Amino acid sequence: MSDETEPEPCDDCREPLTDALARTVRLTVDRSQIDSQRLCPECFADWIDRYEGEMTPGSDESENEGSEIIVD
């Protein structure tokens, strides 16, 4: 038996991660961590593209998605 453990998978694509290339994305609100994801380089690049598209003022995506505020 080997002492090596299998690398943890990317939280998006589920491919094994290498620590040197993995990125962690953390979502915090009022200093409380809401979510944390370990992503491979490709999934991280996709995440950045989605973030920029949704957060850019005047983009079609930011106007159409998330415009509702729901308070419980």
PDB file of N, CA and C in Angstrom:
ATOM      1  N   MET A   1       0.833  -1.183   0.000  1.00  0.00           N
ATOM      2  CA  MET A   1       0.000   0.000   0.000  1.00  0.00           C
ATOM      3  C   MET A   1       0.874   1.242   0.000  1.00  0.00           C
ATOM      4  N   SER A   2       0.389   2.252  -0.613  1.00  0.00           N
ATOM      5  CA  SER A   2       1.113   3.506  -0.732  1.00  0.00           C
ATOM      6  C   SER A   2       0.581   4.510   0.274  1.00  0.00           C
ATOM      7  N   ASP A   3       1.457   5.385   0.760  1.00  0.00           N
ATOM      8  CA  ASP A   3       1.051   6.431   1.700  1.00  0.00           C
ATOM      9  C   ASP A   3       0.500   7.655   0.981  1.00  0.00           C
ATOM     10  N   GLU A   4       0.624   7.683  -0.354  1.00  0.00           N
ATOM     11  CA  GLU A   4       0.158   8.835  -1.111  1.00  0.00           C
ATOM     12  C   GLU A   4      -1.366   8.851  -1.152  1.00  0.00           C
ATOM     13  N   THR A   5      -1.913  10.036  -1.008  1.00  0.00           N
ATOM     14  CA  THR A   5      -3.357  10.188  -1.118  1.00  0.00           C
ATOM     15  C   THR A   5      -3.669  10.766  -2.485  1.00  0.00           C
ATOM     16  N   GLU A   6      -4.814  10.422  -2.994  1.00  0.00           N
ATOM     17  CA  GLU A   6      -5.232  10.931  -4.291  1.00  0.00           C
ATOM     18  C   GLU A   6      -5.533  12.420  -4.161  1.00  0.00           C
ATOM     19  N   PRO A   7      -5.108  13.220  -5.163  1.00  0.00           N
ATOM     20  CA  PRO A   7      -5.377  14.662  -5.092  1.00  0.00           C
ATOM     21  C   PRO A   7      -6.883  14.942  -5.047  1.00  0.00           C
ATOM     22  N   GLU A   8      -7.239  15.994  -4.346  1.00  0.00           N
ATOM     23  CA  GLU A   8      -8.645  16.374  -4.287  1.00  0.00           C
ATOM     24  C   GLU A   8      -9.100  16.844  -5.658  1.00  0.00           C
ATOM     25  N   PRO A   9     -10.375  16.625  -5.984  1.00  0.00           N
ATOM     26  CA  PRO A   9     -10.860  17.041  -7.305  1.00  0.00           C
ATOM     27  C   PRO A   9     -11.241  18.527  -7.344  1.00  0.00           C
ATOM     28  N   CYS A  10     -11.234  19.078  -8.542  1.00  0.00           N
ATOM     29  CA  CYS A  10     -11.740  20.426  -8.781  1.00  0.00           C
ATOM     30  C   CYS A  10     -13.219  20.434  -8.407  1.00  0.00           C
ATOM     31  N   ASP A  11     -13.672  21.474  -7.732  1.00  0.00           N
ATOM     32  CA  ASP A  11     -15.076  21.551  -7.315  1.00  0.00           C
ATOM     33  C   ASP A  11     -16.029  21.749  -8.488  1.00  0.00           C
ATOM     34  N   ASP A  12     -15.510  22.080  -9.663  1.00  0.00           N
ATOM     35  CA  ASP A  12     -16.375  22.287 -10.829  1.00  0.00           C
ATOM     36  C   ASP A  12     -16.346  21.069 -11.759  1.00  0.00           C
ATOM     37  N   CYS A  13     -15.180  20.751 -12.326  1.00  0.00           N
ATOM     38  CA  CYS A  13     -15.091  19.670 -13.312  1.00  0.00           C
ATOM     39  C   CYS A  13     -14.769  18.314 -12.698  1.00  0.00           C
ATOM     40  N   ARG A  14     -14.375  18.284 -11.433  1.00  0.00           N
ATOM     41  CA  ARG A  14     -14.069  17.066 -10.678  1.00  0.00           C
ATOM     42  C   ARG A  14     -12.767  16.390 -11.094  1.00  0.00           C
ATOM     43  N   GLU A  15     -11.926  17.039 -11.903  1.00  0.00           N
ATOM     44  CA  GLU A  15     -10.618  16.494 -12.272  1.00  0.00           C
ATOM     45  C   GLU A  15      -9.668  16.659 -11.082  1.00  0.00           C
ATOM     46  N   PRO A  16      -8.704  15.744 -10.905  1.00  0.00           N
ATOM     47  CA  PRO A  16      -7.748  15.868  -9.802  1.00  0.00           C
ATOM     48  C   PRO A  16      -6.953  17.175  -9.897  1.00  0.00           C
ATOM     49  N   LEU A  17      -6.748  17.815  -8.756  1.00  0.00           N
ATOM     50  CA  LEU A  17      -6.015  19.084  -8.701  1.00  0.00           C
ATOM     51  C   LEU A  17      -4.566  18.858  -8.305  1.00  0.00           C
ATOM     52  N   THR A  18      -3.681  19.670  -8.859  1.00  0.00           N
ATOM     53  CA  THR A  18      -2.321  19.743  -8.353  1.00  0.00           C
ATOM     54  C   THR A  18      -2.238  21.045  -7.577  1.00  0.00           C
ATOM     55  N   ASP A  19      -1.708  20.993  -6.382  1.00  0.00           N
ATOM     56  CA  ASP A  19      -1.696  22.167  -5.511  1.00  0.00           C
ATOM     57  C   ASP A  19      -1.026  23.384  -6.139  1.00  0.00           C
ATOM     58  N   ALA A  20      -0.012  23.157  -6.956  1.00  0.00           N
ATOM     59  CA  ALA A  20       0.705  24.286  -7.551  1.00  0.00           C
ATOM     60  C   ALA A  20      -0.168  25.081  -8.521  1.00  0.00           C
ATOM     61  N   LEU A  21      -1.177  24.434  -9.132  1.00  0.00           N
ATOM     62  CA  LEU A  21      -1.995  25.115 -10.128  1.00  0.00           C
ATOM     63  C   LEU A  21      -3.406  25.437  -9.657  1.00  0.00           C
ATOM     64  N   ALA A  22      -3.817  24.887  -8.544  1.00  0.00           N
ATOM     65  CA  ALA A  22      -5.178  25.088  -8.048  1.00  0.00           C
ATOM     66  C   ALA A  22      -5.363  26.503  -7.519  1.00  0.00           C
ATOM     67  N   ARG A  23      -6.585  26.987  -7.643  1.00  0.00           N
ATOM     68  CA  ARG A  23      -6.949  28.303  -7.117  1.00  0.00           C
ATOM     69  C   ARG A  23      -8.150  28.139  -6.217  1.00  0.00           C
ATOM     70  N   THR A  24      -8.205  28.911  -5.148  1.00  0.00           N
ATOM     71  CA  THR A  24      -9.341  28.875  -4.245  1.00  0.00           C
ATOM     72  C   THR A  24     -10.114  30.178  -4.379  1.00  0.00           C
ATOM     73  N   VAL A  25     -11.420  30.047  -4.617  1.00  0.00           N
ATOM     74  CA  VAL A  25     -12.310  31.200  -4.718  1.00  0.00           C
ATOM     75  C   VAL A  25     -13.168  31.193  -3.459  1.00  0.00           C
ATOM     76  N   ARG A  26     -13.154  32.299  -2.710  1.00  0.00           N
ATOM     77  CA  ARG A  26     -13.943  32.398  -1.482  1.00  0.00           C
ATOM     78  C   ARG A  26     -14.948  33.532  -1.611  1.00  0.00           C
ATOM     79  N   LEU A  27     -16.180  33.246  -1.231  1.00  0.00           N
ATOM     80  CA  LEU A  27     -17.230  34.254  -1.220  1.00  0.00           C
ATOM     81  C   LEU A  27     -17.523  34.583   0.230  1.00  0.00           C
ATOM     82  N   THR A  28     -17.346  35.859   0.583  1.00  0.00           N
ATOM     83  CA  THR A  28     -17.626  36.295   1.944  1.00  0.00           C
ATOM     84  C   THR A  28     -18.596  37.463   1.924  1.00  0.00           C
ATOM     85  N   VAL A  29     -19.456  37.494   2.908  1.00  0.00           N
ATOM     86  CA  VAL A  29     -20.404  38.590   3.082  1.00  0.00           C
ATOM     87  C   VAL A  29     -20.305  39.019   4.536  1.00  0.00           C
ATOM     88  N   ASP A  30     -20.036  40.289   4.754  1.00  0.00           N
ATOM     89  CA  ASP A  30     -19.885  40.826   6.108  1.00  0.00           C
ATOM     90  C   ASP A  30     -18.925  39.977   6.940  1.00  0.00           C
ATOM     91  N   ARG A  31     -17.792  39.633   6.334  1.00  0.00           N
ATOM     92  CA  ARG A  31     -16.713  38.871   6.965  1.00  0.00           C
ATOM     93  C   ARG A  31     -17.071  37.420   7.293  1.00  0.00           C
ATOM     94  N   SER A  32     -18.231  36.941   6.872  1.00  0.00           N
ATOM     95  CA  SER A  32     -18.613  35.550   7.066  1.00  0.00           C
ATOM     96  C   SER A  32     -18.447  34.814   5.737  1.00  0.00           C
ATOM     97  N   GLN A  33     -17.702  33.707   5.769  1.00  0.00           N
ATOM     98  CA  GLN A  33     -17.495  32.951   4.535  1.00  0.00           C
ATOM     99  C   GLN A  33     -18.773  32.213   4.170  1.00  0.00           C
ATOM    100  N   ILE A  34     -19.246  32.436   2.956  1.00  0.00           N
ATOM    101  CA  ILE A  34     -20.460  31.816   2.452  1.00  0.00           C
ATOM    102  C   ILE A  34     -20.125  30.572   1.641  1.00  0.00           C
ATOM    103  N   ASP A  35     -19.073  30.653   0.824  1.00  0.00           N
ATOM    104  CA  ASP A  35     -18.722  29.547  -0.060  1.00  0.00           C
ATOM    105  C   ASP A  35     -17.229  29.578  -0.333  1.00  0.00           C
ATOM    106  N   SER A  36     -16.665  28.411  -0.607  1.00  0.00           N
ATOM    107  CA  SER A  36     -15.272  28.293  -0.980  1.00  0.00           C
ATOM    108  C   SER A  36     -15.164  27.170  -2.004  1.00  0.00           C
ATOM    109  N   GLN A  37     -14.417  27.415  -3.080  1.00  0.00           N
ATOM    110  CA  GLN A  37     -14.253  26.418  -4.131  1.00  0.00           C
ATOM    111  C   GLN A  37     -12.792  26.315  -4.525  1.00  0.00           C
ATOM    112  N   ARG A  38     -12.299  25.075  -4.686  1.00  0.00           N
ATOM    113  CA  ARG A  38     -10.956  24.832  -5.229  1.00  0.00           C
ATOM    114  C   ARG A  38     -11.144  24.504  -6.697  1.00  0.00           C
ATOM    115  N   LEU A  39     -10.493  25.279  -7.570  1.00  0.00           N
ATOM    116  CA  LEU A  39     -10.699  25.144  -9.004  1.00  0.00           C
ATOM    117  C   LEU A  39      -9.388  24.907  -9.738  1.00  0.00           C
ATOM    118  N   CYS A  40      -9.470  24.112 -10.811  1.00  0.00           N
ATOM    119  CA  CYS A  40      -8.320  23.924 -11.697  1.00  0.00           C
ATOM    120  C   CYS A  40      -8.160  25.198 -12.532  1.00  0.00           C
ATOM    121  N   PRO A  41      -7.040  25.368 -13.220  1.00  0.00           N
ATOM    122  CA  PRO A  41      -6.824  26.594 -13.991  1.00  0.00           C
ATOM    123  C   PRO A  41      -7.922  26.882 -15.028  1.00  0.00           C
ATOM    124  N   GLU A  42      -8.399  25.862 -15.740  1.00  0.00           N
ATOM    125  CA  GLU A  42      -9.451  26.092 -16.746  1.00  0.00           C
ATOM    126  C   GLU A  42     -10.752  26.555 -16.108  1.00  0.00           C
ATOM    127  N   CYS A  43     -11.169  25.900 -15.036  1.00  0.00           N
ATOM    128  CA  CYS A  43     -12.413  26.277 -14.363  1.00  0.00           C
ATOM    129  C   CYS A  43     -12.281  27.649 -13.712  1.00  0.00           C
ATOM    130  N   PHE A  44     -11.085  27.974 -13.202  1.00  0.00           N
ATOM    131  CA  PHE A  44     -10.853  29.293 -12.623  1.00  0.00           C
ATOM    132  C   PHE A  44     -10.979  30.375 -13.701  1.00  0.00           C
ATOM    133  N   ALA A  45     -10.415  30.117 -14.887  1.00  0.00           N
ATOM    134  CA  ALA A  45     -10.525  31.077 -15.997  1.00  0.00           C
ATOM    135  C   ALA A  45     -11.988  31.264 -16.389  1.00  0.00           C
ATOM    136  N   ASP A  46     -12.754  30.169 -16.437  1.00  0.00           N
ATOM    137  CA  ASP A  46     -14.183  30.268 -16.738  1.00  0.00           C
ATOM    138  C   ASP A  46     -14.905  31.080 -15.670  1.00  0.00           C
ATOM    139  N   TRP A  47     -14.535  30.872 -14.397  1.00  0.00           N
ATOM    140  CA  TRP A  47     -15.157  31.594 -13.279  1.00  0.00           C
ATOM    141  C   TRP A  47     -14.888  33.092 -13.423  1.00  0.00           C
ATOM    142  N   ILE A  48     -13.639  33.440 -13.757  1.00  0.00           N
ATOM    143  CA  ILE A  48     -13.271  34.850 -13.935  1.00  0.00           C
ATOM    144  C   ILE A  48     -14.082  35.467 -15.075  1.00  0.00           C
ATOM    145  N   ASP A  49     -14.219  34.745 -16.188  1.00  0.00           N
ATOM    146  CA  ASP A  49     -15.008  35.257 -17.325  1.00  0.00           C
ATOM    147  C   ASP A  49     -16.463  35.497 -16.924  1.00  0.00           C
ATOM    148  N   ARG A  50     -17.059  34.551 -16.190  1.00  0.00           N
ATOM    149  CA  ARG A  50     -18.445  34.731 -15.736  1.00  0.00           C
ATOM    150  C   ARG A  50     -18.553  35.915 -14.790  1.00  0.00           C
ATOM    151  N   TYR A  51     -17.606  36.033 -13.853  1.00  0.00           N
ATOM    152  CA  TYR A  51     -17.607  37.133 -12.885  1.00  0.00           C
ATOM    153  C   TYR A  51     -17.541  38.478 -13.607  1.00  0.00           C
ATOM    154  N   GLU A  52     -16.593  38.592 -14.545  1.00  0.00           N
ATOM    155  CA  GLU A  52     -16.454  39.854 -15.275  1.00  0.00           C
ATOM    156  C   GLU A  52     -17.711  40.163 -16.077  1.00  0.00           C
ATOM    157  N   GLY A  53     -18.308  39.145 -16.701  1.00  0.00           N
ATOM    158  CA  GLY A  53     -19.517  39.353 -17.486  1.00  0.00           C
ATOM    159  C   GLY A  53     -20.697  39.795 -16.642  1.00  0.00           C
ATOM    160  N   GLU A  54     -20.810  39.229 -15.458  1.00  0.00           N
ATOM    161  CA  GLU A  54     -21.944  39.555 -14.590  1.00  0.00           C
ATOM    162  C   GLU A  54     -21.750  40.849 -13.824  1.00  0.00           C
ATOM    163  N   MET A  55     -20.509  41.225 -13.562  1.00  0.00           N
ATOM    164  CA  MET A  55     -20.244  42.394 -12.741  1.00  0.00           C
ATOM    165  C   MET A  55     -19.926  43.656 -13.538  1.00  0.00           C
ATOM    166  N   THR A  56     -19.771  43.544 -14.847  1.00  0.00           N
ATOM    167  CA  THR A  56     -19.480  44.712 -15.678  1.00  0.00           C
ATOM    168  C   THR A  56     -20.748  45.541 -15.842  1.00  0.00           C
ATOM    169  N   PRO A  57     -20.716  46.816 -15.459  1.00  0.00           N
ATOM    170  CA  PRO A  57     -21.900  47.654 -15.624  1.00  0.00           C
ATOM    171  C   PRO A  57     -22.309  47.737 -17.099  1.00  0.00           C
ATOM    172  N   GLY A  58     -23.616  47.593 -17.334  1.00  0.00           N
ATOM    173  CA  GLY A  58     -24.140  47.717 -18.674  1.00  0.00           C
ATOM    174  C   GLY A  58     -24.075  46.459 -19.507  1.00  0.00           C
ATOM    175  N   SER A  59     -23.527  45.371 -18.955  1.00  0.00           N
ATOM    176  CA  SER A  59     -23.496  44.137 -19.742  1.00  0.00           C
ATOM    177  C   SER A  59     -24.881  43.511 -19.765  1.00  0.00           C
ATOM    178  N   ASP A  60     -25.187  42.813 -20.828  1.00  0.00           N
ATOM    179  CA  ASP A  60     -26.497  42.179 -20.975  1.00  0.00           C
ATOM    180  C   ASP A  60     -26.762  41.196 -19.853  1.00  0.00           C
ATOM    181  N   GLU A  61     -25.755  40.408 -19.462  1.00  0.00           N
ATOM    182  CA  GLU A  61     -25.942  39.407 -18.417  1.00  0.00           C
ATOM    183  C   GLU A  61     -26.284  40.042 -17.077  1.00  0.00           C
ATOM    184  N   SER A  62     -25.612  41.152 -16.735  1.00  0.00           N
ATOM    185  CA  SER A  62     -25.859  41.763 -15.429  1.00  0.00           C
ATOM    186  C   SER A  62     -27.245  42.396 -15.360  1.00  0.00           C
ATOM    187  N   GLU A  63     -27.790  42.810 -16.502  1.00  0.00           N
ATOM    188  CA  GLU A  63     -29.118  43.413 -16.499  1.00  0.00           C
ATOM    189  C   GLU A  63     -30.218  42.367 -16.466  1.00  0.00           C
ATOM    190  N   ASN A  64     -29.986  41.203 -17.062  1.00  0.00           N
ATOM    191  CA  ASN A  64     -31.017  40.181 -17.175  1.00  0.00           C
ATOM    192  C   ASN A  64     -31.030  39.208 -16.007  1.00  0.00           C
ATOM    193  N   GLU A  65     -29.880  38.908 -15.438  1.00  0.00           N
ATOM    194  CA  GLU A  65     -29.803  37.931 -14.365  1.00  0.00           C
ATOM    195  C   GLU A  65     -29.591  38.624 -13.028  1.00  0.00           C
ATOM    196  N   GLY A  66     -30.212  38.085 -12.014  1.00  0.00           N
ATOM    197  CA  GLY A  66     -29.973  38.586 -10.672  1.00  0.00           C
ATOM    198  C   GLY A  66     -30.591  39.936 -10.385  1.00  0.00           C
ATOM    199  N   SER A  67     -31.547  40.366 -11.184  1.00  0.00           N
ATOM    200  CA  SER A  67     -32.128  41.687 -10.951  1.00  0.00           C
ATOM    201  C   SER A  67     -33.191  41.654  -9.862  1.00  0.00           C
ATOM    202  N   GLU A  68     -33.605  40.463  -9.463  1.00  0.00           N
ATOM    203  CA  GLU A  68     -34.596  40.356  -8.392  1.00  0.00           C
ATOM    204  C   GLU A  68     -33.894  40.253  -7.044  1.00  0.00           C
ATOM    205  N   ILE A  69     -34.418  40.912  -6.068  1.00  0.00           N
ATOM    206  CA  ILE A  69     -33.917  40.790  -4.713  1.00  0.00           C
ATOM    207  C   ILE A  69     -35.010  40.100  -3.898  1.00  0.00           C
ATOM    208  N   ILE A  70     -34.644  38.985  -3.292  1.00  0.00           N
ATOM    209  CA  ILE A  70     -35.607  38.215  -2.504  1.00  0.00           C
ATOM    210  C   ILE A  70     -35.167  38.255  -1.051  1.00  0.00           C
ATOM    211  N   VAL A  71     -36.037  38.693  -0.178  1.00  0.00           N
ATOM    212  CA  VAL A  71     -35.743  38.767   1.247  1.00  0.00           C
ATOM    213  C   VAL A  71     -36.690  37.833   1.975  1.00  0.00           C
ATOM    214  N   ASP A  72     -36.115  36.923   2.727  1.00  0.00           N
ATOM    215  CA  ASP A  72     -36.933  35.984   3.507  1.00  0.00           C
ATOM    216  C   ASP A  72     -37.206  36.541   4.880  1.00  0.00           C
TER     217      ASP A  72
END
